[in-house]
């Protein structure tokens, strides 16, 4: 055993000593954004790979490139003061061959500034910046359009393992900023993302991946920020998101919408959601839509979700949990996905204030019931001030919207001010406070088709109506609400 340990220590030390640096300038890269450095950077990557791995260094300066393809055991390091600009010429981003792993966003090939498929032990590190120049990235007429129109991502890794992206700043992507598809053992640490210059500007997309850590990031995007997806048959599972500051005009932490492979064992903790500091509105609004969205609408199973210590300032809707049945295929020849399942969710220690008048919701559909949900120690402070005609008056007005895009904008203001629960079995709510900054005429709770539930320690403000409306409930206990004076 001692001999084995000595050999391993010697091997690690040897790798460390032999690990080389490959400065892109020595390969002909130009500190000049009028010059293209694609060939020089890829040659440095190739030499690094052929020599057993090491670090390709982008030194301080401004460099422009088309597609860079990372390979096994290569770390791309952006030094302090380095900026890597994406070219604005579509010809500098050749279409990658169709990957073996197929997914809903796949148009038969991909476009990206930094790309890898099937690579092992790859990294992008440093304190430099990747600028996708997304303002100038246009869709391609030969592509499908929408979010599949061929704009280049800043980073796209497919079916890779042992991936690390740490410390860097990423801005102005043409579309999704960084997309990890069917990858394993992924570390996304201490990133800074600013993504407001185009459409579909997600900050980060974790898609069909296993064993992922997202920690210490600061994300500000016009579209969804931290986005967990499953656009193909692989599940996204064993994911930890912690200690992040998130701003968005859409959804801050979102699991969905694509859900083909499902989601398992997600831990979200110690995150702050705050307003974006972007200077312009997105889709006519400054604020975000949701702080937390958990969605199953295209088949798949979501189970084992733990959310704790979430602080939210100024979004339309703090918590949105949705089981629908859009049933979108992940590829044309795939079978139609069956009704999905959503169960075993715990949400604790949430403070949400200055929020809009979209109430939080946990909603299934006929034939699709959400199971086993626990909420503990929750504070919702909404703006209130609504008048008759400015919100849905009844359940009939709400509708089921089984195939609608899953977002609270499909309902806008619901017939309750705090929490809407429909088609749920076994819900436990312990310690929840509803506060309205201005008088809100709606009841704080609305339960419809709920079986087995217990609501305890419910507190409302003097501006709230401390009433729960129920319809088709069975074996549900709601303790008498407590009214407190508002300090607002």
Protein backbone atom coordinates (compact mmCIF):
# COMPACT_ATOMS: atom_id res chain seq x y z
CA UNK A 1 0.00 0.00 0.00
CA UNK A 2 2.86 2.39 0.86
CA UNK A 3 4.45 1.67 -2.51
CA UNK A 4 1.15 2.42 -4.30
CA UNK A 5 0.69 5.70 -2.44
CA UNK A 6 4.29 6.70 -3.18
CA UNK A 7 3.81 5.92 -6.85
CA UNK A 8 0.59 7.98 -7.04
CA UNK A 9 2.21 10.93 -5.27
CA UNK A 10 5.19 10.70 -7.62
CA UNK A 11 2.88 10.54 -10.66
CA UNK A 12 0.92 13.63 -9.54
CA UNK A 13 4.15 15.52 -8.85
CA UNK A 14 5.51 14.52 -12.25
CA UNK A 15 2.38 15.79 -14.01
CA UNK A 16 2.61 19.07 -12.12
CA UNK A 17 6.28 19.52 -13.03
CA UNK A 18 5.74 18.57 -16.66
CA UNK A 19 2.59 20.65 -17.13
CA UNK A 20 3.53 23.34 -19.63
CA UNK A 21 2.21 26.73 -20.57
CA UNK A 22 1.47 27.61 -24.18
CA UNK A 23 1.23 31.37 -24.68
CA UNK A 24 -0.97 32.15 -27.66
CA UNK A 25 1.19 35.14 -28.62
CA UNK A 26 4.09 32.78 -29.33
CA UNK A 27 1.80 31.02 -31.80
CA UNK A 28 1.01 34.24 -33.64
CA UNK A 29 -2.05 35.57 -31.82
CA UNK A 30 -2.33 39.35 -32.12
CA UNK A 31 -3.20 41.83 -29.40
CA UNK A 32 -5.36 43.58 -31.98
CA UNK A 33 -9.10 43.18 -32.49
CA UNK A 34 -8.75 43.94 -36.20
CA UNK A 35 -6.79 40.68 -36.52
CA UNK A 36 -8.15 37.15 -36.18
CA UNK A 37 -6.27 34.81 -33.84
CA UNK A 38 -8.33 31.64 -34.28
CA UNK A 39 -5.59 29.56 -35.95
CA UNK A 40 -2.96 30.59 -33.42
CA UNK A 41 -5.12 29.73 -30.41
CA UNK A 42 -6.21 26.38 -31.82
CA UNK A 43 -2.59 25.51 -32.67
CA UNK A 44 -1.63 26.22 -29.07
CA UNK A 45 -4.49 23.98 -27.88
CA UNK A 46 -3.42 21.21 -30.28
CA UNK A 47 0.23 21.29 -29.15
CA UNK A 48 -0.85 21.33 -25.50
CA UNK A 49 -3.08 18.31 -26.08
CA UNK A 50 -0.43 16.36 -28.02
CA UNK A 51 2.12 16.92 -25.27
CA UNK A 52 -0.09 15.47 -22.58
CA UNK A 53 -1.89 18.58 -21.46
CA UNK A 54 -1.18 21.85 -19.72
CA UNK A 55 -2.29 25.46 -19.88
CA UNK A 56 -2.96 27.60 -22.92
CA UNK A 57 -2.47 31.19 -21.79
CA UNK A 58 -4.29 34.23 -23.13
CA UNK A 59 -2.12 37.07 -21.77
CA UNK A 60 -3.23 40.61 -20.99
CA UNK A 61 -4.52 42.23 -24.16
CA UNK A 62 -7.43 42.14 -26.59
CA UNK A 63 -7.69 39.13 -28.89
CA UNK A 64 -10.37 38.22 -31.43
CA UNK A 65 -11.24 34.67 -32.41
CA UNK A 66 -13.67 32.35 -34.09
CA UNK A 67 -14.37 28.85 -32.75
CA UNK A 68 -11.78 27.46 -30.32
CA UNK A 69 -12.00 23.70 -29.74
CA UNK A 70 -10.76 22.46 -26.37
CA UNK A 71 -9.28 18.98 -26.05
CA UNK A 72 -8.39 16.54 -23.27
CA UNK A 73 -6.32 17.88 -20.39
CA UNK A 74 -6.23 21.45 -21.70
CA UNK A 75 -6.86 24.48 -19.49
CA UNK A 76 -7.55 27.76 -21.25
CA UNK A 77 -6.35 30.49 -18.88
CA UNK A 78 -7.33 34.14 -19.36
CA UNK A 79 -4.83 36.25 -17.49
CA UNK A 80 -5.75 39.41 -15.62
CA UNK A 81 -6.39 42.09 -18.23
CA UNK A 82 -7.06 39.61 -21.04
CA UNK A 83 -10.21 39.88 -23.15
CA UNK A 84 -11.15 37.27 -25.71
CA UNK A 85 -13.61 38.74 -28.24
CA UNK A 86 -15.83 36.64 -30.46
CA UNK A 87 -15.58 37.47 -34.13
CA UNK A 88 -18.64 39.12 -35.65
CA UNK A 89 -18.18 37.23 -38.94
CA UNK A 90 -20.40 34.13 -39.07
CA UNK A 91 -17.84 32.42 -41.31
CA UNK A 92 -15.47 32.27 -38.34
CA UNK A 93 -17.87 29.89 -36.57
CA UNK A 94 -18.09 26.73 -38.68
CA UNK A 95 -20.99 24.45 -37.95
CA UNK A 96 -19.86 21.60 -35.71
CA UNK A 97 -20.72 18.09 -36.78
CA UNK A 98 -23.88 16.66 -35.33
CA UNK A 99 -23.04 15.23 -31.89
CA UNK A 100 -23.89 11.70 -30.86
CA UNK A 101 -26.05 13.04 -28.04
CA UNK A 102 -29.22 14.60 -29.47
CA UNK A 103 -31.38 17.18 -27.75
CA UNK A 104 -34.24 19.58 -28.36
CA UNK A 105 -32.00 22.58 -29.14
CA UNK A 106 -29.88 20.61 -31.60
CA UNK A 107 -30.25 21.88 -35.16
CA UNK A 108 -27.98 19.17 -36.56
CA UNK A 109 -24.84 20.98 -35.45
CA UNK A 110 -23.79 23.80 -33.16
CA UNK A 111 -22.04 27.16 -33.17
CA UNK A 112 -19.90 28.41 -30.31
CA UNK A 113 -16.87 30.54 -29.48
CA UNK A 114 -15.36 27.89 -27.16
CA UNK A 115 -16.47 24.35 -27.97
CA UNK A 116 -15.75 20.80 -26.84
CA UNK A 117 -17.40 17.43 -27.37
CA UNK A 118 -16.43 14.26 -25.55
CA UNK A 119 -13.42 15.89 -23.90
CA UNK A 120 -12.03 14.97 -20.48
CA UNK A 121 -10.40 17.20 -17.88
CA UNK A 122 -10.89 20.59 -19.51
CA UNK A 123 -11.01 24.01 -17.91
CA UNK A 124 -11.40 27.72 -18.53
CA UNK A 125 -9.88 29.77 -15.73
CA UNK A 126 -8.44 33.15 -14.81
CA UNK A 127 -9.61 36.68 -14.14
CA UNK A 128 -9.95 37.69 -17.79
CA UNK A 129 -13.08 38.27 -19.86
CA UNK A 130 -14.90 36.53 -22.69
CA UNK A 131 -16.92 39.00 -24.77
CA UNK A 132 -19.28 37.37 -27.27
CA UNK A 133 -20.11 40.69 -28.98
CA UNK A 134 -23.69 39.47 -29.00
CA UNK A 135 -25.08 42.76 -30.25
CA UNK A 136 -23.60 41.89 -33.63
CA UNK A 137 -24.41 38.16 -33.63
CA UNK A 138 -27.27 37.45 -36.03
CA UNK A 139 -29.32 34.37 -36.76
CA UNK A 140 -28.63 32.31 -39.87
CA UNK A 141 -31.37 32.03 -42.50
CA UNK A 142 -30.64 28.33 -43.03
CA UNK A 143 -31.35 27.55 -39.36
CA UNK A 144 -34.66 26.92 -37.63
CA UNK A 145 -35.13 30.36 -36.08
CA UNK A 146 -36.00 31.41 -32.54
CA UNK A 147 -33.53 29.99 -30.02
CA UNK A 148 -32.26 27.59 -32.69
CA UNK A 149 -31.24 30.21 -35.24
CA UNK A 150 -27.50 29.51 -35.20
CA UNK A 151 -26.19 32.34 -33.05
CA UNK A 152 -22.94 31.42 -31.30
CA UNK A 153 -22.79 30.61 -27.61
CA UNK A 154 -19.80 31.83 -25.61
CA UNK A 155 -19.18 28.30 -24.24
CA UNK A 156 -20.68 24.98 -25.34
CA UNK A 157 -19.47 21.67 -23.90
CA UNK A 158 -21.23 18.45 -24.97
CA UNK A 159 -20.71 15.02 -23.35
CA UNK A 160 -17.59 16.17 -21.52
CA UNK A 161 -16.42 15.11 -18.07
CA UNK A 162 -14.30 16.73 -15.40
CA UNK A 163 -15.07 20.29 -16.44
CA UNK A 164 -14.08 23.44 -14.58
CA UNK A 165 -14.95 27.04 -15.48
CA UNK A 166 -13.69 29.32 -12.75
CA UNK A 167 -13.06 32.97 -12.05
CA UNK A 168 -13.69 34.41 -15.48
CA UNK A 169 -16.09 37.14 -16.57
CA UNK A 170 -18.45 36.38 -19.46
CA UNK A 171 -20.42 39.09 -21.23
CA UNK A 172 -22.51 39.77 -24.33
CA UNK A 173 -23.18 36.30 -25.66
CA UNK A 174 -25.05 35.97 -28.95
CA UNK A 175 -27.52 33.56 -27.30
CA UNK A 176 -27.16 31.27 -24.23
CA UNK A 177 -23.94 32.35 -22.55
CA UNK A 178 -22.64 28.97 -21.35
CA UNK A 179 -24.28 25.64 -22.10
CA UNK A 180 -23.22 22.33 -20.54
CA UNK A 181 -25.02 19.45 -22.28
CA UNK A 182 -24.83 15.83 -21.07
CA UNK A 183 -21.67 16.54 -19.06
CA UNK A 184 -20.44 15.00 -15.81
CA UNK A 185 -18.46 16.30 -12.85
CA UNK A 186 -18.80 20.00 -13.62
CA UNK A 187 -17.47 22.81 -11.42
CA UNK A 188 -18.68 26.35 -12.17
CA UNK A 189 -17.06 28.60 -9.61
CA UNK A 190 -16.81 32.33 -8.87
CA UNK A 191 -18.02 33.44 -12.28
CA UNK A 192 -19.28 36.88 -13.29
CA UNK A 193 -21.83 37.06 -16.09
CA UNK A 194 -23.45 40.07 -17.77
CA UNK A 195 -25.74 39.08 -20.64
CA UNK A 196 -28.15 41.73 -21.94
CA UNK A 197 -27.34 42.40 -25.58
CA UNK A 198 -29.51 39.98 -27.58
CA UNK A 199 -32.42 37.54 -27.29
CA UNK A 200 -32.38 34.25 -25.35
CA UNK A 201 -29.54 35.58 -23.20
CA UNK A 202 -29.50 32.95 -20.43
CA UNK A 203 -26.57 33.35 -18.04
CA UNK A 204 -25.95 29.62 -17.60
CA UNK A 205 -27.66 26.41 -18.79
CA UNK A 206 -27.02 23.06 -17.09
CA UNK A 207 -28.65 20.55 -19.39
CA UNK A 208 -28.84 16.80 -18.85
CA UNK A 209 -25.74 16.88 -16.62
CA UNK A 210 -24.73 14.83 -13.59
CA UNK A 211 -22.78 15.96 -10.53
CA UNK A 212 -22.59 19.74 -10.89
CA UNK A 213 -21.50 22.45 -8.46
CA UNK A 214 -22.36 26.11 -9.07
CA UNK A 215 -20.92 28.34 -6.40
CA UNK A 216 -19.97 31.96 -5.76
CA UNK A 217 -21.27 33.38 -9.04
CA UNK A 218 -22.70 36.81 -9.82
CA UNK A 219 -25.17 36.57 -12.70
CA UNK A 220 -27.13 39.34 -14.44
CA UNK A 221 -29.09 38.47 -17.58
CA UNK A 222 -32.04 39.61 -19.63
CA UNK A 223 -33.33 36.04 -20.01
CA UNK A 224 -33.28 33.23 -17.42
CA UNK A 225 -30.20 33.31 -15.19
CA UNK A 226 -29.27 29.96 -13.60
CA UNK A 227 -31.21 27.51 -15.75
CA UNK A 228 -31.44 23.76 -15.21
CA UNK A 229 -32.76 21.87 -18.23
CA UNK A 230 -33.13 18.40 -19.64
CA UNK A 231 -33.52 18.89 -23.38
CA UNK A 232 -32.66 15.27 -24.16
CA UNK A 233 -33.04 11.79 -22.61
CA UNK A 234 -30.34 12.28 -19.95
CA UNK A 235 -31.53 13.49 -16.54
CA UNK A 236 -30.02 16.43 -14.74
CA UNK A 237 -29.18 15.16 -11.27
CA UNK A 238 -27.01 15.72 -8.22
CA UNK A 239 -26.69 19.48 -8.64
CA UNK A 240 -25.66 21.97 -5.94
CA UNK A 241 -26.22 25.71 -6.44
CA UNK A 242 -25.01 27.89 -3.58
CA UNK A 243 -23.79 31.35 -2.59
CA UNK A 244 -24.83 33.12 -5.79
CA UNK A 245 -26.16 36.63 -6.45
CA UNK A 246 -28.66 36.58 -9.31
CA UNK A 247 -30.40 39.27 -11.35
CA UNK A 248 -32.68 38.80 -14.33
CA UNK A 249 -35.61 40.24 -16.26
CA UNK A 250 -37.06 36.71 -16.45
CA UNK A 251 -36.50 33.79 -14.06
CA UNK A 252 -33.62 33.80 -11.59
CA UNK A 253 -33.29 30.09 -10.72
CA UNK A 254 -35.28 27.97 -13.12
CA UNK A 255 -35.61 24.22 -13.50
CA UNK A 256 -37.28 23.78 -16.92
CA UNK A 257 -38.92 24.37 -19.24
CA UNK A 258 -37.59 21.37 -21.19
CA UNK A 259 -37.83 18.35 -18.91
CA UNK A 260 -37.51 15.22 -21.09
CA UNK A 261 -34.91 13.42 -18.96
CA UNK A 262 -36.15 14.78 -15.65
CA UNK A 263 -34.41 16.22 -12.60
CA UNK A 264 -33.25 14.52 -9.40
CA UNK A 265 -31.46 15.57 -6.26
CA UNK A 266 -31.15 19.34 -6.60
CA UNK A 267 -29.87 21.48 -3.74
CA UNK A 268 -30.25 25.27 -3.90
CA UNK A 269 -29.04 27.33 -0.95
CA UNK A 270 -27.81 30.70 0.27
CA UNK A 271 -28.69 32.70 -2.84
CA UNK A 272 -29.79 36.29 -3.28
CA UNK A 273 -32.11 37.46 -6.08
CA UNK A 274 -31.99 41.19 -6.74
CA UNK A 275 -33.10 43.60 -9.48
CA UNK A 276 -30.94 43.85 -12.59
CA UNK A 277 -28.90 46.99 -13.03
CA UNK A 278 -29.34 46.87 -16.82
CA UNK A 279 -30.20 50.29 -18.22
CA UNK A 280 -33.07 49.17 -20.42
CA UNK A 281 -36.27 47.19 -20.01
CA UNK A 282 -36.70 43.67 -21.31
CA UNK A 283 -40.13 42.76 -22.72
CA UNK A 284 -41.50 45.93 -21.18
CA UNK A 285 -40.40 45.30 -17.59
CA UNK A 286 -37.53 46.10 -15.25
CA UNK A 287 -38.20 43.43 -12.65
CA UNK A 288 -37.89 39.66 -12.95
CA UNK A 289 -40.79 37.24 -13.37
CA UNK A 290 -39.85 34.57 -10.80
CA UNK A 291 -37.14 34.00 -8.22
CA UNK A 292 -37.56 30.21 -8.16
CA UNK A 293 -39.27 28.10 -10.84
CA UNK A 294 -39.59 24.31 -10.70
CA UNK A 295 -41.29 22.95 -13.81
CA UNK A 296 -42.15 19.63 -15.43
CA UNK A 297 -44.06 20.12 -18.67
CA UNK A 298 -42.38 17.89 -21.29
CA UNK A 299 -42.51 14.57 -19.47
CA UNK A 300 -39.81 13.47 -17.04
CA UNK A 301 -39.74 13.20 -13.26
CA UNK A 302 -38.65 15.89 -10.82
CA UNK A 303 -37.93 14.64 -7.32
CA UNK A 304 -35.63 15.38 -4.44
CA UNK A 305 -35.43 19.20 -4.48
CA UNK A 306 -34.19 21.11 -1.45
CA UNK A 307 -34.23 24.92 -1.39
CA UNK A 308 -33.08 26.93 1.62
CA UNK A 309 -32.00 30.44 2.56
CA UNK A 310 -33.26 32.39 -0.43
CA UNK A 311 -33.57 36.18 -0.25
CA UNK A 312 -35.63 37.88 -2.98
CA UNK A 313 -36.04 41.56 -3.76
CA UNK A 314 -38.49 42.75 -6.43
CA UNK A 315 -39.75 40.00 -8.69
CA UNK A 316 -43.28 39.44 -9.96
CA UNK A 317 -43.57 36.00 -8.31
CA UNK A 318 -41.28 34.54 -5.62
CA UNK A 319 -42.04 30.81 -6.03
CA UNK A 320 -43.56 29.03 -9.03
CA UNK A 321 -43.95 25.24 -9.09
CA UNK A 322 -45.69 23.82 -12.15
CA UNK A 323 -46.63 20.39 -13.43
CA UNK A 324 -48.10 20.74 -16.92
CA UNK A 325 -48.36 18.67 -20.08
CA UNK A 326 -46.94 20.58 -23.04
CA UNK A 327 -45.45 17.23 -24.17
CA UNK A 328 -42.86 18.68 -26.53
CA UNK A 329 -40.58 16.07 -28.13
CA UNK A 330 -36.81 16.45 -27.78
CA UNK A 331 -36.42 15.46 -31.45
CA UNK A 332 -38.86 14.92 -34.30
CA UNK A 333 -38.73 11.13 -34.34
CA UNK A 334 -38.93 10.74 -30.54
CA UNK A 335 -42.12 9.38 -28.97
CA UNK A 336 -44.44 11.91 -27.37
CA UNK A 337 -43.42 12.16 -23.72
CA UNK A 338 -45.96 10.89 -21.17
CA UNK A 339 -47.38 13.03 -18.38
CA UNK A 340 -44.51 13.95 -16.08
CA UNK A 341 -44.30 13.72 -12.30
CA UNK A 342 -43.23 16.26 -9.65
CA UNK A 343 -42.73 15.27 -6.03
CA UNK A 344 -40.64 15.53 -2.86
CA UNK A 345 -39.82 19.24 -2.66
CA UNK A 346 -38.74 21.15 0.46
CA UNK A 347 -38.43 24.96 0.55
CA UNK A 348 -37.25 26.67 3.75
CA UNK A 349 -36.18 30.10 4.95
CA UNK A 350 -37.33 32.34 2.12
CA UNK A 351 -37.66 36.11 2.46
CA UNK A 352 -39.30 37.80 -0.54
CA UNK A 353 -40.18 41.50 -0.46
CA UNK A 354 -41.09 44.31 -2.86
CA UNK A 355 -42.61 41.59 -5.02
CA UNK A 356 -45.28 42.09 -7.65
CA UNK A 357 -48.87 40.96 -7.32
CA UNK A 358 -48.45 37.58 -9.02
CA UNK A 359 -48.97 35.25 -6.09
CA UNK A 360 -46.70 32.27 -5.61
CA UNK A 361 -48.19 29.03 -6.87
CA UNK A 362 -47.89 25.26 -6.68
CA UNK A 363 -50.10 23.91 -9.44
CA UNK A 364 -50.70 20.70 -11.28
CA UNK A 365 -53.40 19.78 -13.77
CA UNK A 366 -56.15 17.17 -13.98
CA UNK A 367 -54.29 13.86 -14.16
CA UNK A 368 -51.06 15.49 -13.05
CA UNK A 369 -50.84 15.90 -9.27
CA UNK A 370 -47.84 17.34 -7.43
CA UNK A 371 -46.94 15.27 -4.37
CA UNK A 372 -45.12 15.82 -1.09
CA UNK A 373 -44.29 19.51 -0.75
CA UNK A 374 -43.04 21.18 2.43
CA UNK A 375 -42.71 24.93 3.02
CA UNK A 376 -41.14 26.23 6.22
CA UNK A 377 -40.38 29.72 7.52
CA UNK A 378 -41.52 31.81 4.54
CA UNK A 379 -42.12 35.58 4.30
CA UNK A 380 -43.93 37.06 1.28
CA UNK A 381 -44.26 40.85 1.08
CA UNK A 382 -46.20 41.90 -2.03
CA UNK A 383 -47.02 45.39 -3.25
CA UNK A 384 -50.82 45.04 -3.12
CA UNK A 385 -53.00 48.01 -4.06
CA UNK A 386 -55.11 46.09 -6.58
CA UNK A 387 -58.68 46.99 -7.37
CA UNK A 388 -61.56 44.96 -8.78
CA UNK A 389 -60.93 44.09 -12.42
CA UNK A 390 -57.14 44.08 -12.00
CA UNK A 391 -56.92 40.41 -11.07
CA UNK A 392 -58.61 37.10 -11.84
CA UNK A 393 -61.92 37.03 -10.00
CA UNK A 394 -62.43 33.25 -9.81
CA UNK A 395 -60.98 29.82 -10.50
CA UNK A 396 -62.95 29.73 -13.74
CA UNK A 397 -60.97 32.74 -14.92
CA UNK A 398 -57.69 31.02 -14.08
CA UNK A 399 -58.18 27.88 -16.19
CA UNK A 400 -55.86 24.88 -16.29
CA UNK A 401 -53.66 25.93 -19.26
CA UNK A 402 -52.21 22.43 -19.52
CA UNK A 403 -50.11 23.14 -22.61
CA UNK A 404 -49.23 26.76 -22.02
CA UNK A 405 -45.66 27.97 -21.66
CA UNK A 406 -45.02 27.46 -17.93
CA UNK A 407 -44.69 30.92 -16.44
CA UNK A 408 -46.93 32.93 -14.08
CA UNK A 409 -47.48 35.44 -16.88
CA UNK A 410 -49.93 32.89 -18.33
CA UNK A 411 -52.25 33.87 -15.46
CA UNK A 412 -50.96 37.28 -14.35
CA UNK A 413 -52.65 38.28 -11.07
CA UNK A 414 -54.43 35.31 -9.49
CA UNK A 415 -57.51 35.37 -7.20
CA UNK A 416 -55.26 35.24 -4.11
CA UNK A 417 -52.44 37.45 -2.91
CA UNK A 418 -50.09 34.93 -1.33
CA UNK A 419 -50.17 31.27 -2.35
CA UNK A 420 -52.23 29.39 -4.94
CA UNK A 421 -52.29 25.59 -4.53
CA UNK A 422 -54.06 23.32 -7.02
CA UNK A 423 -53.89 19.59 -7.77
CA UNK A 424 -51.50 18.84 -4.92
CA UNK A 425 -51.37 15.84 -2.59
CA UNK A 426 -49.68 16.07 0.80
CA UNK A 427 -48.58 19.65 1.33
CA UNK A 428 -47.21 20.81 4.68
CA UNK A 429 -46.80 24.56 5.34
CA UNK A 430 -45.36 25.57 8.69
CA UNK A 431 -44.61 29.21 9.45
CA UNK A 432 -45.62 31.49 6.59
CA UNK A 433 -46.27 35.25 6.71
CA UNK A 434 -48.23 37.20 4.11
CA UNK A 435 -47.78 40.97 4.05
CA UNK A 436 -49.22 43.50 1.59
CA UNK A 437 -47.67 46.96 1.42
CA UNK A 438 -51.03 48.37 0.32
CA UNK A 439 -54.50 46.96 0.86
CA UNK A 440 -55.03 43.81 -1.19
CA UNK A 441 -58.65 42.64 -1.59
CA UNK A 442 -57.73 39.03 -2.34
CA UNK A 443 -57.54 36.19 0.20
CA UNK A 444 -54.00 35.14 1.03
CA UNK A 445 -54.58 31.43 0.29
CA UNK A 446 -56.50 29.63 -2.43
CA UNK A 447 -56.67 25.84 -2.39
CA UNK A 448 -58.29 23.84 -5.18
CA UNK A 449 -58.27 20.05 -5.53
CA UNK A 450 -55.87 19.57 -2.64
CA UNK A 451 -55.72 16.32 -0.70
CA UNK A 452 -53.89 15.84 2.59
CA UNK A 453 -52.43 19.09 3.84
CA UNK A 454 -51.66 21.06 6.94
CA UNK A 455 -51.13 24.83 7.15
CA UNK A 456 -49.87 26.08 10.51
CA UNK A 457 -48.49 29.34 11.92
CA UNK A 458 -49.98 31.53 9.20
CA UNK A 459 -49.54 35.25 9.79
CA UNK A 460 -51.08 38.08 7.78
CA UNK A 461 -50.71 41.86 7.85
CA UNK A 462 -53.48 44.39 8.42
CA UNK A 463 -53.41 45.13 4.67
CA UNK A 464 -54.09 41.49 3.80
CA UNK A 465 -57.39 39.65 3.92
CA UNK A 466 -56.70 36.74 6.33
CA UNK A 467 -58.99 34.33 4.58
CA UNK A 468 -58.36 31.08 2.77
CA UNK A 469 -60.66 30.04 -0.04
CA UNK A 470 -60.93 26.30 -0.59
CA UNK A 471 -62.54 24.17 -3.28
CA UNK A 472 -62.50 20.37 -3.56
CA UNK A 473 -60.18 19.89 -0.59
CA UNK A 474 -59.94 16.68 1.38
CA UNK A 475 -58.17 15.97 4.67
CA UNK A 476 -56.72 19.49 4.87
CA UNK A 477 -56.21 21.41 8.13
CA UNK A 478 -55.74 25.19 8.14
CA UNK A 479 -55.02 26.63 11.57
CA UNK A 480 -56.54 29.95 12.52
CA UNK A 481 -54.53 32.79 11.05
CA UNK A 482 -52.82 35.40 13.18
CA UNK A 483 -53.03 39.06 12.23
CA UNK A 484 -50.13 41.38 12.81
CA UNK A 485 -49.76 45.12 12.38
CA UNK A 486 -47.74 46.05 9.33
CA UNK A 487 -44.57 47.98 9.99
CA UNK A 488 -44.41 49.12 6.35
